[in-house]
Amino acid sequence: MLDRFRTVLVNPTEEEELAREPLLKFSFYLSSRVIQLLDLGEEIKGKLDAGLSADRFDGRVLGNAGVLAWLWVLGAYELVRTMCQPQNAFSPPILAKLLALKRRLELVRMPDAKMEPKGRNHPANSNRAPPFWDLENQDVILGDFENGSDRFRPLLEEFDEVMSAMTPADVLLHHHETYKRPAEPAAAADGGGRWAFPSSQVPQPRRC
């Protein structure tokens, strides 16, 4: 997916921008974060390649990769959760992919971030080592072996596949539109740019 973002668009039309970055229709902010997560994922893979092999174990490089992979899961989960929350912002096929990805991320996020297994009111193993290493696949294992774990590379691959499968037609609503009540009329754009949100929802300055 990252390859298409490396193409420089000169005076692009709206259609050209959306073909490269369909999530702009949902949120400029979220679309940018997805690109950053994909870029971070490639950085983590590079560290795993450099630090872990049959004849090499670089603890400094791998320690950094393990922390970044942990943070990547937290960020990826929150973005996917936000996209799933409205239930009507994306086409049914894309929503189904997002929900499946959310469930997979939840499985490792819960023991890694909340120190408890998903859906269970008891603690995860508090004495486990922060990262586990898969030497054969040059990968870091996230989560808790007793209650659910996964490897980083397949998680990144599925995240990339879901985001890459999206087309402009799959994005049905802007993020701000998902908060409107049925009787609320559509607001006009505020003129602040192609991807600006409705003027009625521009944050107003707070008075002290």
N, C-alpha and C. Protein backbone atom coordinates (compact mmCIF):
# COMPACT_ATOMS: atom_id res chain seq x y z
N MET A 1 0.83 -1.21 0.00
CA MET A 1 0.00 0.00 0.00
C MET A 1 0.86 1.26 0.00
N LEU A 2 2.01 1.20 0.70
CA LEU A 2 2.83 2.40 0.80
C LEU A 2 3.32 2.90 -0.55
N ASP A 3 3.48 2.01 -1.52
CA ASP A 3 3.99 2.41 -2.83
C ASP A 3 3.14 3.49 -3.47
N ARG A 4 1.83 3.40 -3.32
CA ARG A 4 0.97 4.36 -3.99
C ARG A 4 1.08 5.75 -3.38
N PHE A 5 1.53 5.84 -2.12
CA PHE A 5 1.69 7.15 -1.49
C PHE A 5 2.99 7.81 -1.89
N ARG A 6 3.91 7.04 -2.47
CA ARG A 6 5.18 7.60 -2.89
C ARG A 6 5.07 8.27 -4.26
N THR A 7 3.94 8.09 -4.94
CA THR A 7 3.72 8.74 -6.23
C THR A 7 3.33 10.19 -6.00
N VAL A 8 4.07 11.10 -6.60
CA VAL A 8 3.79 12.53 -6.43
C VAL A 8 2.68 12.94 -7.39
N LEU A 9 1.63 13.54 -6.83
CA LEU A 9 0.52 14.03 -7.64
C LEU A 9 0.70 15.53 -7.84
N VAL A 10 0.69 15.98 -9.08
CA VAL A 10 0.83 17.40 -9.40
C VAL A 10 -0.54 17.97 -9.75
N ASN A 11 -0.96 18.95 -8.95
CA ASN A 11 -2.29 19.54 -9.12
C ASN A 11 -3.37 18.46 -9.32
N PRO A 12 -3.48 17.53 -8.36
CA PRO A 12 -4.41 16.41 -8.55
C PRO A 12 -5.86 16.83 -8.47
N THR A 13 -6.69 16.10 -9.16
CA THR A 13 -8.12 16.27 -9.01
C THR A 13 -8.56 15.56 -7.73
N GLU A 14 -9.78 15.82 -7.32
CA GLU A 14 -10.32 15.14 -6.15
C GLU A 14 -10.34 13.63 -6.37
N GLU A 15 -10.70 13.21 -7.57
CA GLU A 15 -10.76 11.78 -7.87
C GLU A 15 -9.38 11.14 -7.76
N GLU A 16 -8.34 11.85 -8.20
CA GLU A 16 -6.99 11.31 -8.12
C GLU A 16 -6.52 11.19 -6.67
N GLU A 17 -6.86 12.19 -5.86
CA GLU A 17 -6.49 12.13 -4.45
C GLU A 17 -7.18 10.97 -3.74
N LEU A 18 -8.47 10.79 -4.03
CA LEU A 18 -9.22 9.73 -3.37
C LEU A 18 -8.79 8.35 -3.87
N ALA A 19 -8.38 8.25 -5.13
CA ALA A 19 -7.91 6.96 -5.63
C ALA A 19 -6.67 6.52 -4.88
N ARG A 20 -5.83 7.49 -4.53
CA ARG A 20 -4.62 7.16 -3.78
C ARG A 20 -4.90 7.01 -2.29
N GLU A 21 -5.85 7.78 -1.77
CA GLU A 21 -6.08 7.84 -0.32
C GLU A 21 -7.59 7.87 -0.04
N PRO A 22 -8.29 6.74 -0.19
CA PRO A 22 -9.75 6.73 -0.04
C PRO A 22 -10.24 7.20 1.33
N LEU A 23 -9.43 6.99 2.37
CA LEU A 23 -9.86 7.35 3.72
C LEU A 23 -10.00 8.86 3.92
N LEU A 24 -9.52 9.65 2.96
CA LEU A 24 -9.74 11.09 3.04
C LEU A 24 -11.23 11.42 3.12
N LYS A 25 -12.05 10.58 2.51
CA LYS A 25 -13.50 10.81 2.56
C LYS A 25 -14.05 10.65 3.96
N PHE A 26 -13.36 9.89 4.80
CA PHE A 26 -13.80 9.68 6.18
C PHE A 26 -13.15 10.67 7.13
N SER A 27 -11.83 10.83 7.02
CA SER A 27 -11.12 11.74 7.92
C SER A 27 -9.71 11.99 7.41
N PHE A 28 -9.37 13.25 7.21
CA PHE A 28 -8.00 13.60 6.82
C PHE A 28 -7.02 13.16 7.89
N TYR A 29 -7.38 13.40 9.15
CA TYR A 29 -6.51 13.04 10.28
C TYR A 29 -6.27 11.54 10.33
N LEU A 30 -7.34 10.76 10.27
CA LEU A 30 -7.21 9.31 10.40
C LEU A 30 -6.46 8.72 9.22
N SER A 31 -6.71 9.25 8.03
CA SER A 31 -6.00 8.76 6.85
C SER A 31 -4.49 8.97 7.01
N SER A 32 -4.11 10.12 7.54
CA SER A 32 -2.68 10.40 7.76
C SER A 32 -2.10 9.44 8.78
N ARG A 33 -2.85 9.13 9.82
CA ARG A 33 -2.36 8.20 10.85
C ARG A 33 -2.19 6.79 10.30
N VAL A 34 -3.07 6.37 9.41
CA VAL A 34 -2.94 5.05 8.80
C VAL A 34 -1.63 4.96 8.02
N ILE A 35 -1.32 6.00 7.25
CA ILE A 35 -0.07 6.01 6.49
C ILE A 35 1.13 5.95 7.44
N GLN A 36 1.04 6.71 8.54
CA GLN A 36 2.13 6.70 9.51
C GLN A 36 2.31 5.33 10.17
N LEU A 37 1.20 4.66 10.45
CA LEU A 37 1.29 3.32 11.04
C LEU A 37 1.91 2.32 10.05
N LEU A 38 1.55 2.44 8.79
CA LEU A 38 2.15 1.56 7.78
C LEU A 38 3.64 1.82 7.66
N ASP A 39 4.02 3.08 7.70
CA ASP A 39 5.43 3.44 7.62
C ASP A 39 6.18 2.94 8.85
N LEU A 40 5.57 3.09 10.03
CA LEU A 40 6.18 2.57 11.26
C LEU A 40 6.31 1.06 11.20
N GLY A 41 5.32 0.39 10.64
CA GLY A 41 5.37 -1.06 10.50
C GLY A 41 6.57 -1.51 9.68
N GLU A 42 6.85 -0.77 8.59
CA GLU A 42 8.02 -1.10 7.77
C GLU A 42 9.31 -0.88 8.55
N GLU A 43 9.33 0.16 9.38
CA GLU A 43 10.52 0.41 10.21
C GLU A 43 10.73 -0.74 11.20
N ILE A 44 9.65 -1.21 11.81
CA ILE A 44 9.76 -2.32 12.77
C ILE A 44 10.27 -3.58 12.07
N LYS A 45 9.72 -3.87 10.89
CA LYS A 45 10.19 -5.04 10.14
C LYS A 45 11.69 -4.94 9.85
N GLY A 46 12.14 -3.74 9.51
CA GLY A 46 13.57 -3.56 9.24
C GLY A 46 14.41 -3.84 10.47
N LYS A 47 13.95 -3.43 11.63
CA LYS A 47 14.67 -3.68 12.88
C LYS A 47 14.67 -5.18 13.21
N LEU A 48 13.55 -5.85 12.96
CA LEU A 48 13.50 -7.29 13.19
C LEU A 48 14.46 -8.03 12.26
N ASP A 49 14.52 -7.60 11.01
CA ASP A 49 15.44 -8.22 10.06
C ASP A 49 16.90 -8.03 10.49
N ALA A 50 17.18 -6.82 10.99
CA ALA A 50 18.56 -6.49 11.36
C ALA A 50 18.98 -7.14 12.67
N GLY A 51 18.03 -7.32 13.59
CA GLY A 51 18.40 -7.76 14.93
C GLY A 51 18.21 -9.23 15.22
N LEU A 52 17.49 -9.93 14.33
CA LEU A 52 17.14 -11.31 14.65
C LEU A 52 17.37 -12.21 13.44
N SER A 53 18.29 -13.14 13.57
CA SER A 53 18.55 -14.11 12.50
C SER A 53 19.15 -15.36 13.14
N ALA A 54 19.47 -16.34 12.31
CA ALA A 54 19.98 -17.61 12.83
C ALA A 54 21.29 -17.43 13.58
N ASP A 55 22.09 -16.44 13.19
CA ASP A 55 23.40 -16.25 13.82
C ASP A 55 23.55 -14.90 14.50
N ARG A 56 22.43 -14.21 14.72
CA ARG A 56 22.53 -12.87 15.29
C ARG A 56 21.34 -12.58 16.20
N PHE A 57 21.62 -12.02 17.37
CA PHE A 57 20.56 -11.56 18.28
C PHE A 57 21.05 -10.26 18.90
N ASP A 58 20.58 -9.14 18.36
CA ASP A 58 20.99 -7.82 18.82
C ASP A 58 19.94 -7.31 19.79
N GLY A 59 20.23 -7.41 21.08
CA GLY A 59 19.26 -7.03 22.09
C GLY A 59 18.85 -5.58 22.04
N ARG A 60 19.77 -4.68 21.69
CA ARG A 60 19.44 -3.26 21.64
C ARG A 60 18.43 -2.98 20.53
N VAL A 61 18.70 -3.50 19.34
CA VAL A 61 17.80 -3.29 18.20
C VAL A 61 16.46 -3.95 18.45
N LEU A 62 16.50 -5.18 18.98
CA LEU A 62 15.25 -5.91 19.19
C LEU A 62 14.43 -5.30 20.33
N GLY A 63 15.09 -4.79 21.35
CA GLY A 63 14.35 -4.13 22.42
C GLY A 63 13.56 -2.95 21.89
N ASN A 64 14.17 -2.18 21.00
CA ASN A 64 13.48 -1.04 20.38
C ASN A 64 12.35 -1.52 19.49
N ALA A 65 12.59 -2.60 18.73
CA ALA A 65 11.54 -3.14 17.86
C ALA A 65 10.36 -3.63 18.67
N GLY A 66 10.63 -4.28 19.81
CA GLY A 66 9.55 -4.79 20.65
C GLY A 66 8.68 -3.68 21.21
N VAL A 67 9.30 -2.58 21.66
CA VAL A 67 8.53 -1.45 22.18
C VAL A 67 7.70 -0.82 21.08
N LEU A 68 8.29 -0.62 19.91
CA LEU A 68 7.56 -0.01 18.79
C LEU A 68 6.39 -0.90 18.34
N ALA A 69 6.60 -2.22 18.34
CA ALA A 69 5.51 -3.13 17.96
C ALA A 69 4.36 -3.04 18.96
N TRP A 70 4.69 -2.94 20.24
CA TRP A 70 3.67 -2.79 21.28
C TRP A 70 2.87 -1.51 21.06
N LEU A 71 3.58 -0.39 20.82
CA LEU A 71 2.89 0.88 20.58
C LEU A 71 2.10 0.84 19.27
N TRP A 72 2.62 0.12 18.26
CA TRP A 72 1.91 0.00 16.97
C TRP A 72 0.56 -0.66 17.18
N VAL A 73 0.52 -1.72 17.97
CA VAL A 73 -0.75 -2.41 18.23
C VAL A 73 -1.75 -1.48 18.90
N LEU A 74 -1.30 -0.70 19.87
CA LEU A 74 -2.22 0.21 20.56
C LEU A 74 -2.79 1.24 19.59
N GLY A 75 -1.93 1.79 18.73
CA GLY A 75 -2.40 2.78 17.77
C GLY A 75 -3.31 2.18 16.71
N ALA A 76 -2.92 1.03 16.17
CA ALA A 76 -3.73 0.38 15.14
C ALA A 76 -5.10 0.02 15.68
N TYR A 77 -5.15 -0.49 16.91
CA TYR A 77 -6.44 -0.86 17.49
C TYR A 77 -7.35 0.36 17.60
N GLU A 78 -6.84 1.47 18.09
CA GLU A 78 -7.69 2.65 18.28
C GLU A 78 -8.21 3.18 16.95
N LEU A 79 -7.38 3.18 15.92
CA LEU A 79 -7.84 3.64 14.60
C LEU A 79 -8.93 2.73 14.05
N VAL A 80 -8.71 1.42 14.13
CA VAL A 80 -9.69 0.46 13.61
C VAL A 80 -10.98 0.53 14.43
N ARG A 81 -10.86 0.68 15.73
CA ARG A 81 -12.05 0.81 16.58
C ARG A 81 -12.87 2.03 16.18
N THR A 82 -12.19 3.14 15.91
CA THR A 82 -12.89 4.37 15.49
C THR A 82 -13.62 4.15 14.17
N MET A 83 -13.01 3.42 13.26
CA MET A 83 -13.63 3.17 11.97
C MET A 83 -14.82 2.23 12.09
N CYS A 84 -14.78 1.31 13.05
CA CYS A 84 -15.87 0.34 13.23
C CYS A 84 -17.05 0.94 13.99
N GLN A 85 -16.78 1.93 14.80
CA GLN A 85 -17.80 2.44 15.73
C GLN A 85 -19.09 2.90 15.07
N PRO A 86 -19.06 3.65 13.96
CA PRO A 86 -20.33 4.13 13.39
C PRO A 86 -21.21 3.04 12.79
N GLN A 87 -20.64 1.95 12.33
CA GLN A 87 -21.37 0.83 11.71
C GLN A 87 -21.95 1.16 10.33
N ASN A 88 -22.02 2.44 9.97
CA ASN A 88 -22.62 2.80 8.67
C ASN A 88 -21.71 3.70 7.85
N ALA A 89 -20.45 3.85 8.26
CA ALA A 89 -19.55 4.74 7.55
C ALA A 89 -18.84 4.06 6.38
N PHE A 90 -18.85 2.72 6.39
CA PHE A 90 -18.14 1.97 5.35
C PHE A 90 -19.05 0.89 4.77
N SER A 91 -18.73 0.46 3.57
CA SER A 91 -19.52 -0.58 2.91
C SER A 91 -19.48 -1.87 3.74
N PRO A 92 -20.51 -2.71 3.64
CA PRO A 92 -20.54 -3.96 4.42
C PRO A 92 -19.30 -4.83 4.25
N PRO A 93 -18.77 -5.02 3.04
CA PRO A 93 -17.57 -5.87 2.93
C PRO A 93 -16.37 -5.30 3.69
N ILE A 94 -16.16 -3.98 3.60
CA ILE A 94 -15.04 -3.35 4.30
C ILE A 94 -15.28 -3.36 5.80
N LEU A 95 -16.51 -3.11 6.22
CA LEU A 95 -16.82 -3.14 7.65
C LEU A 95 -16.55 -4.53 8.23
N ALA A 96 -16.90 -5.56 7.49
CA ALA A 96 -16.65 -6.93 7.96
C ALA A 96 -15.15 -7.18 8.13
N LYS A 97 -14.33 -6.68 7.20
CA LYS A 97 -12.88 -6.83 7.31
C LYS A 97 -12.35 -6.05 8.51
N LEU A 98 -12.89 -4.85 8.71
CA LEU A 98 -12.45 -4.02 9.84
C LEU A 98 -12.80 -4.68 11.18
N LEU A 99 -13.99 -5.24 11.27
CA LEU A 99 -14.41 -5.89 12.51
C LEU A 99 -13.55 -7.12 12.81
N ALA A 100 -13.22 -7.88 11.78
CA ALA A 100 -12.35 -9.05 11.98
C ALA A 100 -10.97 -8.62 12.44
N LEU A 101 -10.45 -7.54 11.84
CA LEU A 101 -9.15 -7.02 12.24
C LEU A 101 -9.20 -6.49 13.67
N LYS A 102 -10.27 -5.82 14.02
CA LYS A 102 -10.43 -5.30 15.39
C LYS A 102 -10.40 -6.43 16.40
N ARG A 103 -11.09 -7.52 16.12
CA ARG A 103 -11.10 -8.66 17.04
C ARG A 103 -9.70 -9.25 17.20
N ARG A 104 -8.95 -9.31 16.10
CA ARG A 104 -7.60 -9.87 16.16
C ARG A 104 -6.67 -8.96 16.96
N LEU A 105 -6.79 -7.66 16.76
CA LEU A 105 -5.97 -6.71 17.52
C LEU A 105 -6.34 -6.71 19.00
N GLU A 106 -7.64 -6.85 19.28
CA GLU A 106 -8.11 -6.87 20.67
C GLU A 106 -7.46 -7.99 21.47
N LEU A 107 -7.28 -9.12 20.82
CA LEU A 107 -6.77 -10.31 21.49
C LEU A 107 -5.40 -10.06 22.11
N VAL A 108 -4.55 -9.28 21.41
CA VAL A 108 -3.22 -9.00 21.95
C VAL A 108 -3.18 -7.67 22.70
N ARG A 109 -4.06 -6.75 22.34
CA ARG A 109 -4.07 -5.46 23.03
C ARG A 109 -4.46 -5.59 24.49
N MET A 110 -5.47 -6.40 24.77
CA MET A 110 -5.98 -6.49 26.15
C MET A 110 -4.91 -6.94 27.14
N PRO A 111 -4.24 -8.07 26.93
CA PRO A 111 -3.21 -8.46 27.90
C PRO A 111 -1.99 -7.54 27.89
N ASP A 112 -1.70 -6.91 26.73
CA ASP A 112 -0.52 -6.04 26.66
C ASP A 112 -0.79 -4.66 27.24
N ALA A 113 -2.00 -4.15 27.12
CA ALA A 113 -2.29 -2.79 27.57
C ALA A 113 -3.05 -2.75 28.89
N LYS A 114 -4.00 -3.67 29.08
CA LYS A 114 -4.85 -3.64 30.28
C LYS A 114 -4.48 -4.73 31.29
N MET A 115 -3.53 -5.56 30.91
CA MET A 115 -3.03 -6.61 31.81
C MET A 115 -4.13 -7.59 32.21
N GLU A 116 -5.07 -7.82 31.31
CA GLU A 116 -6.10 -8.83 31.55
C GLU A 116 -6.54 -9.39 30.20
N PRO A 117 -6.97 -10.65 30.14
CA PRO A 117 -7.41 -11.23 28.87
C PRO A 117 -8.70 -10.58 28.39
N LYS A 118 -8.91 -10.63 27.08
CA LYS A 118 -10.13 -10.07 26.51
C LYS A 118 -11.36 -10.80 27.07
N GLY A 119 -12.32 -10.01 27.59
CA GLY A 119 -13.59 -10.56 28.04
C GLY A 119 -13.54 -11.32 29.34
N ARG A 120 -12.43 -11.25 30.08
CA ARG A 120 -12.32 -12.01 31.33
C ARG A 120 -11.87 -11.09 32.46
N ASN A 121 -12.52 -11.22 33.59
CA ASN A 121 -12.22 -10.36 34.73
C ASN A 121 -11.19 -11.01 35.66
N HIS A 122 -10.01 -11.28 35.09
CA HIS A 122 -8.90 -11.77 35.91
C HIS A 122 -7.60 -11.35 35.23
N PRO A 123 -6.51 -11.29 35.96
CA PRO A 123 -5.28 -10.74 35.40
C PRO A 123 -4.59 -11.66 34.42
N ALA A 124 -3.92 -11.04 33.47
CA ALA A 124 -2.99 -11.79 32.62
C ALA A 124 -1.72 -12.04 33.44
N ASN A 125 -0.87 -12.90 32.95
CA ASN A 125 0.38 -13.20 33.64
C ASN A 125 1.22 -11.93 33.77
N SER A 126 1.39 -11.46 35.00
CA SER A 126 2.12 -10.21 35.23
C SER A 126 3.63 -10.40 35.26
N ASN A 127 4.10 -11.63 35.23
CA ASN A 127 5.53 -11.90 35.33
C ASN A 127 6.14 -12.34 34.01
N ARG A 128 5.37 -12.25 32.93
CA ARG A 128 5.92 -12.66 31.64
C ARG A 128 6.88 -11.60 31.11
N ALA A 129 7.80 -12.03 30.25
CA ALA A 129 8.73 -11.09 29.63
C ALA A 129 7.95 -10.19 28.67
N PRO A 130 8.28 -8.90 28.58
CA PRO A 130 7.55 -8.00 27.67
C PRO A 130 7.53 -8.48 26.23
N PRO A 131 8.70 -8.81 25.61
CA PRO A 131 8.64 -9.37 24.26
C PRO A 131 9.00 -10.85 24.25
N PHE A 132 8.33 -11.60 23.37
CA PHE A 132 8.75 -12.96 23.05
C PHE A 132 9.23 -12.93 21.61
N TRP A 133 10.22 -13.75 21.30
CA TRP A 133 10.81 -13.71 19.97
C TRP A 133 10.57 -15.03 19.23
N ASP A 134 10.21 -14.89 17.96
CA ASP A 134 10.04 -16.03 17.07
C ASP A 134 11.25 -16.06 16.15
N LEU A 135 12.23 -16.89 16.49
CA LEU A 135 13.48 -16.91 15.74
C LEU A 135 13.27 -17.37 14.30
N GLU A 136 12.41 -18.37 14.12
CA GLU A 136 12.21 -18.94 12.78
C GLU A 136 11.64 -17.92 11.81
N ASN A 137 10.71 -17.09 12.30
CA ASN A 137 10.03 -16.11 11.43
C ASN A 137 10.55 -14.69 11.60
N GLN A 138 11.65 -14.53 12.37
CA GLN A 138 12.21 -13.19 12.63
C GLN A 138 11.11 -12.22 13.04
N ASP A 139 10.43 -12.57 14.12
CA ASP A 139 9.24 -11.80 14.50
C ASP A 139 9.17 -11.64 16.02
N VAL A 140 8.36 -10.69 16.45
CA VAL A 140 8.08 -10.50 17.87
C VAL A 140 6.66 -10.99 18.13
N ILE A 141 6.47 -11.70 19.22
CA ILE A 141 5.15 -12.23 19.58
C ILE A 141 4.53 -11.32 20.63
N LEU A 142 3.33 -10.88 20.36
CA LEU A 142 2.62 -9.95 21.22
C LEU A 142 1.49 -10.66 21.96
N GLY A 143 1.07 -10.10 23.09
CA GLY A 143 -0.03 -10.68 23.84
C GLY A 143 0.46 -11.63 24.92
N ASP A 144 -0.37 -12.60 25.24
CA ASP A 144 -0.13 -13.51 26.34
C ASP A 144 -0.37 -14.94 25.86
N PHE A 145 0.64 -15.80 25.96
CA PHE A 145 0.50 -17.17 25.46
C PHE A 145 -0.69 -17.90 26.07
N GLU A 146 -1.00 -17.61 27.33
CA GLU A 146 -2.08 -18.33 28.01
C GLU A 146 -3.46 -17.88 27.55
N ASN A 147 -3.57 -16.63 27.08
CA ASN A 147 -4.90 -16.08 26.78
C ASN A 147 -5.05 -15.50 25.38
N GLY A 148 -4.03 -15.57 24.58
CA GLY A 148 -4.13 -15.06 23.23
C GLY A 148 -2.90 -14.29 22.82
N SER A 149 -2.24 -14.73 21.77
CA SER A 149 -1.05 -14.04 21.29
C SER A 149 -1.05 -14.06 19.77
N ASP A 150 -0.21 -13.21 19.19
CA ASP A 150 -0.11 -13.15 17.74
C ASP A 150 1.26 -12.57 17.40
N ARG A 151 1.70 -12.84 16.17
CA ARG A 151 2.96 -12.28 15.70
C ARG A 151 2.72 -10.92 15.05
N PHE A 152 3.74 -10.07 15.12
CA PHE A 152 3.60 -8.72 14.58
C PHE A 152 3.45 -8.71 13.06
N ARG A 153 4.28 -9.45 12.35
CA ARG A 153 4.26 -9.37 10.88
C ARG A 153 2.88 -9.72 10.29
N PRO A 154 2.23 -10.81 10.71
CA PRO A 154 0.89 -11.08 10.17
C PRO A 154 -0.14 -10.01 10.54
N LEU A 155 -0.01 -9.42 11.73
CA LEU A 155 -0.93 -8.34 12.10
C LEU A 155 -0.76 -7.14 11.17
N LEU A 156 0.49 -6.78 10.91
CA LEU A 156 0.75 -5.67 10.00
C LEU A 156 0.25 -5.99 8.60
N GLU A 157 0.46 -7.23 8.16
CA GLU A 157 0.03 -7.62 6.82
C GLU A 157 -1.49 -7.52 6.68
N GLU A 158 -2.24 -7.97 7.69
CA GLU A 158 -3.69 -7.87 7.61
C GLU A 158 -4.15 -6.42 7.66
N PHE A 159 -3.53 -5.61 8.50
CA PHE A 159 -3.85 -4.18 8.56
C PHE A 159 -3.66 -3.55 7.19
N ASP A 160 -2.53 -3.85 6.56
CA ASP A 160 -2.23 -3.31 5.23
C ASP A 160 -3.25 -3.80 4.20
N GLU A 161 -3.58 -5.09 4.25
CA GLU A 161 -4.53 -5.65 3.28
C GLU A 161 -5.91 -5.01 3.40
N VAL A 162 -6.37 -4.80 4.63
CA VAL A 162 -7.70 -4.20 4.83
C VAL A 162 -7.71 -2.77 4.31
N MET A 163 -6.70 -1.99 4.64
CA MET A 163 -6.66 -0.60 4.19
C MET A 163 -6.47 -0.51 2.68
N SER A 164 -5.71 -1.44 2.11
CA SER A 164 -5.47 -1.44 0.67
C SER A 164 -6.70 -1.87 -0.12
N ALA A 165 -7.58 -2.67 0.51
CA ALA A 165 -8.78 -3.14 -0.18
C ALA A 165 -9.83 -2.04 -0.33
N MET A 166 -9.68 -0.96 0.40
CA MET A 166 -10.69 0.09 0.42
C MET A 166 -10.61 0.95 -0.85
N THR A 167 -11.77 1.29 -1.37
CA THR A 167 -11.88 2.21 -2.50
C THR A 167 -12.73 3.39 -2.07
N PRO A 168 -12.73 4.49 -2.83
CA PRO A 168 -13.59 5.63 -2.47
C PRO A 168 -15.06 5.24 -2.32
N ALA A 169 -15.52 4.28 -3.12
CA ALA A 169 -16.93 3.86 -3.04
C ALA A 169 -17.25 3.16 -1.73
N ASP A 170 -16.23 2.65 -1.04
CA ASP A 170 -16.45 1.95 0.23
C ASP A 170 -16.64 2.91 1.40
N VAL A 171 -16.28 4.17 1.21
CA VAL A 171 -16.40 5.17 2.28
C VAL A 171 -17.73 5.90 2.10
N LEU A 172 -18.67 5.65 2.99
CA LEU A 172 -20.05 6.13 2.80
C LEU A 172 -20.34 7.43 3.53
N LEU A 173 -19.61 7.70 4.62
CA LEU A 173 -19.87 8.90 5.41
C LEU A 173 -18.57 9.51 5.89
N HIS A 174 -18.57 10.84 6.04
CA HIS A 174 -17.48 11.52 6.73
C HIS A 174 -17.63 11.25 8.22
N HIS A 175 -16.50 11.25 8.92
CA HIS A 175 -16.52 10.96 10.36
C HIS A 175 -17.51 11.86 11.11
N HIS A 176 -17.55 13.14 10.81
CA HIS A 176 -18.45 14.05 11.51
C HIS A 176 -19.92 13.77 11.19
N GLU A 177 -20.18 13.25 10.02
CA GLU A 177 -21.56 12.93 9.66
C GLU A 177 -22.12 11.78 10.48
N THR A 178 -21.24 10.94 11.02
CA THR A 178 -21.72 9.80 11.81
C THR A 178 -22.28 10.24 13.15
N TYR A 179 -22.06 11.50 13.54
CA TYR A 179 -22.57 12.01 14.81
C TYR A 179 -23.88 12.79 14.65
N LYS A 180 -24.34 12.96 13.42
CA LYS A 180 -25.55 13.75 13.19
C LYS A 180 -26.80 12.96 13.56
N ARG A 181 -27.76 13.67 14.09
CA ARG A 181 -29.08 13.08 14.31
C ARG A 181 -29.81 13.01 12.98
N PRO A 182 -30.73 12.07 12.81
CA PRO A 182 -31.42 11.89 11.53
C PRO A 182 -32.07 13.17 11.01
N ALA A 183 -32.62 14.01 11.90
CA ALA A 183 -33.34 15.20 11.46
C ALA A 183 -32.42 16.38 11.21
N GLU A 184 -31.15 16.25 11.53
CA GLU A 184 -30.23 17.37 11.39
C GLU A 184 -29.85 17.56 9.94
N PRO A 185 -30.00 18.77 9.39
CA PRO A 185 -29.66 19.00 7.98
C PRO A 185 -28.15 18.96 7.77
N ALA A 186 -27.78 18.63 6.55
CA ALA A 186 -26.36 18.59 6.22
C ALA A 186 -25.79 19.99 6.25
N ALA A 187 -24.61 20.15 6.81
CA ALA A 187 -23.99 21.46 6.91
C ALA A 187 -23.11 21.70 5.70
N ALA A 188 -22.97 22.96 5.31
CA ALA A 188 -22.13 23.31 4.17
C ALA A 188 -20.67 23.32 4.61
N ALA A 189 -19.79 23.07 3.66
CA ALA A 189 -18.37 23.11 3.96
C ALA A 189 -17.96 24.52 4.31
N ASP A 190 -16.93 24.67 5.13
CA ASP A 190 -16.55 26.00 5.61
C ASP A 190 -15.56 26.69 4.69
N GLY A 191 -15.21 26.05 3.57
CA GLY A 191 -14.29 26.68 2.65
C GLY A 191 -12.84 26.56 3.06
N GLY A 192 -12.56 25.78 4.09
CA GLY A 192 -11.20 25.66 4.60
C GLY A 192 -10.39 24.60 3.89
N GLY A 193 -10.85 24.10 2.77
CA GLY A 193 -10.07 23.08 2.06
C GLY A 193 -10.96 21.94 1.63
N ARG A 194 -10.45 21.15 0.69
CA ARG A 194 -11.25 20.07 0.12
C ARG A 194 -11.72 19.08 1.17
N TRP A 195 -10.89 18.82 2.18
CA TRP A 195 -11.24 17.81 3.18
C TRP A 195 -11.59 18.44 4.52
N ALA A 196 -11.99 19.72 4.51
CA ALA A 196 -12.40 20.37 5.76
C ALA A 196 -13.71 19.79 6.25
N PHE A 197 -13.92 19.79 7.57
CA PHE A 197 -15.17 19.25 8.07
C PHE A 197 -16.23 20.34 8.10
N PRO A 198 -17.52 19.97 8.24
CA PRO A 198 -18.62 20.93 8.15
C PRO A 198 -18.45 22.11 9.10
N SER A 199 -18.86 23.29 8.63
CA SER A 199 -18.66 24.52 9.39
C SER A 199 -19.38 24.49 10.73
N SER A 200 -20.51 23.79 10.81
CA SER A 200 -21.25 23.74 12.07
C SER A 200 -20.50 22.97 13.13
N GLN A 201 -19.46 22.21 12.72
CA GLN A 201 -18.73 21.40 13.68
C GLN A 201 -17.30 21.87 13.86
N VAL A 202 -16.98 23.08 13.34
CA VAL A 202 -15.66 23.64 13.59
C VAL A 202 -15.56 24.01 15.06
N PRO A 203 -14.56 23.53 15.78
CA PRO A 203 -14.45 23.86 17.20
C PRO A 203 -14.39 25.36 17.43
N GLN A 204 -15.19 25.84 18.35
CA GLN A 204 -15.24 27.27 18.66
C GLN A 204 -14.31 27.57 19.83
N PRO A 205 -13.71 28.81 19.84
CA PRO A 205 -12.82 29.15 20.96
C PRO A 205 -13.58 29.18 22.28
N ARG A 206 -12.94 28.71 23.34
CA ARG A 206 -13.56 28.69 24.65
C ARG A 206 -13.26 29.98 25.38
N ARG A 207 -14.27 30.52 26.06
CA ARG A 207 -14.08 31.72 26.85
C ARG A 207 -13.75 31.35 28.28
N CYS A 208 -12.75 32.06 28.83
CA CYS A 208 -12.35 31.79 30.21
C CYS A 208 -13.28 32.51 31.19
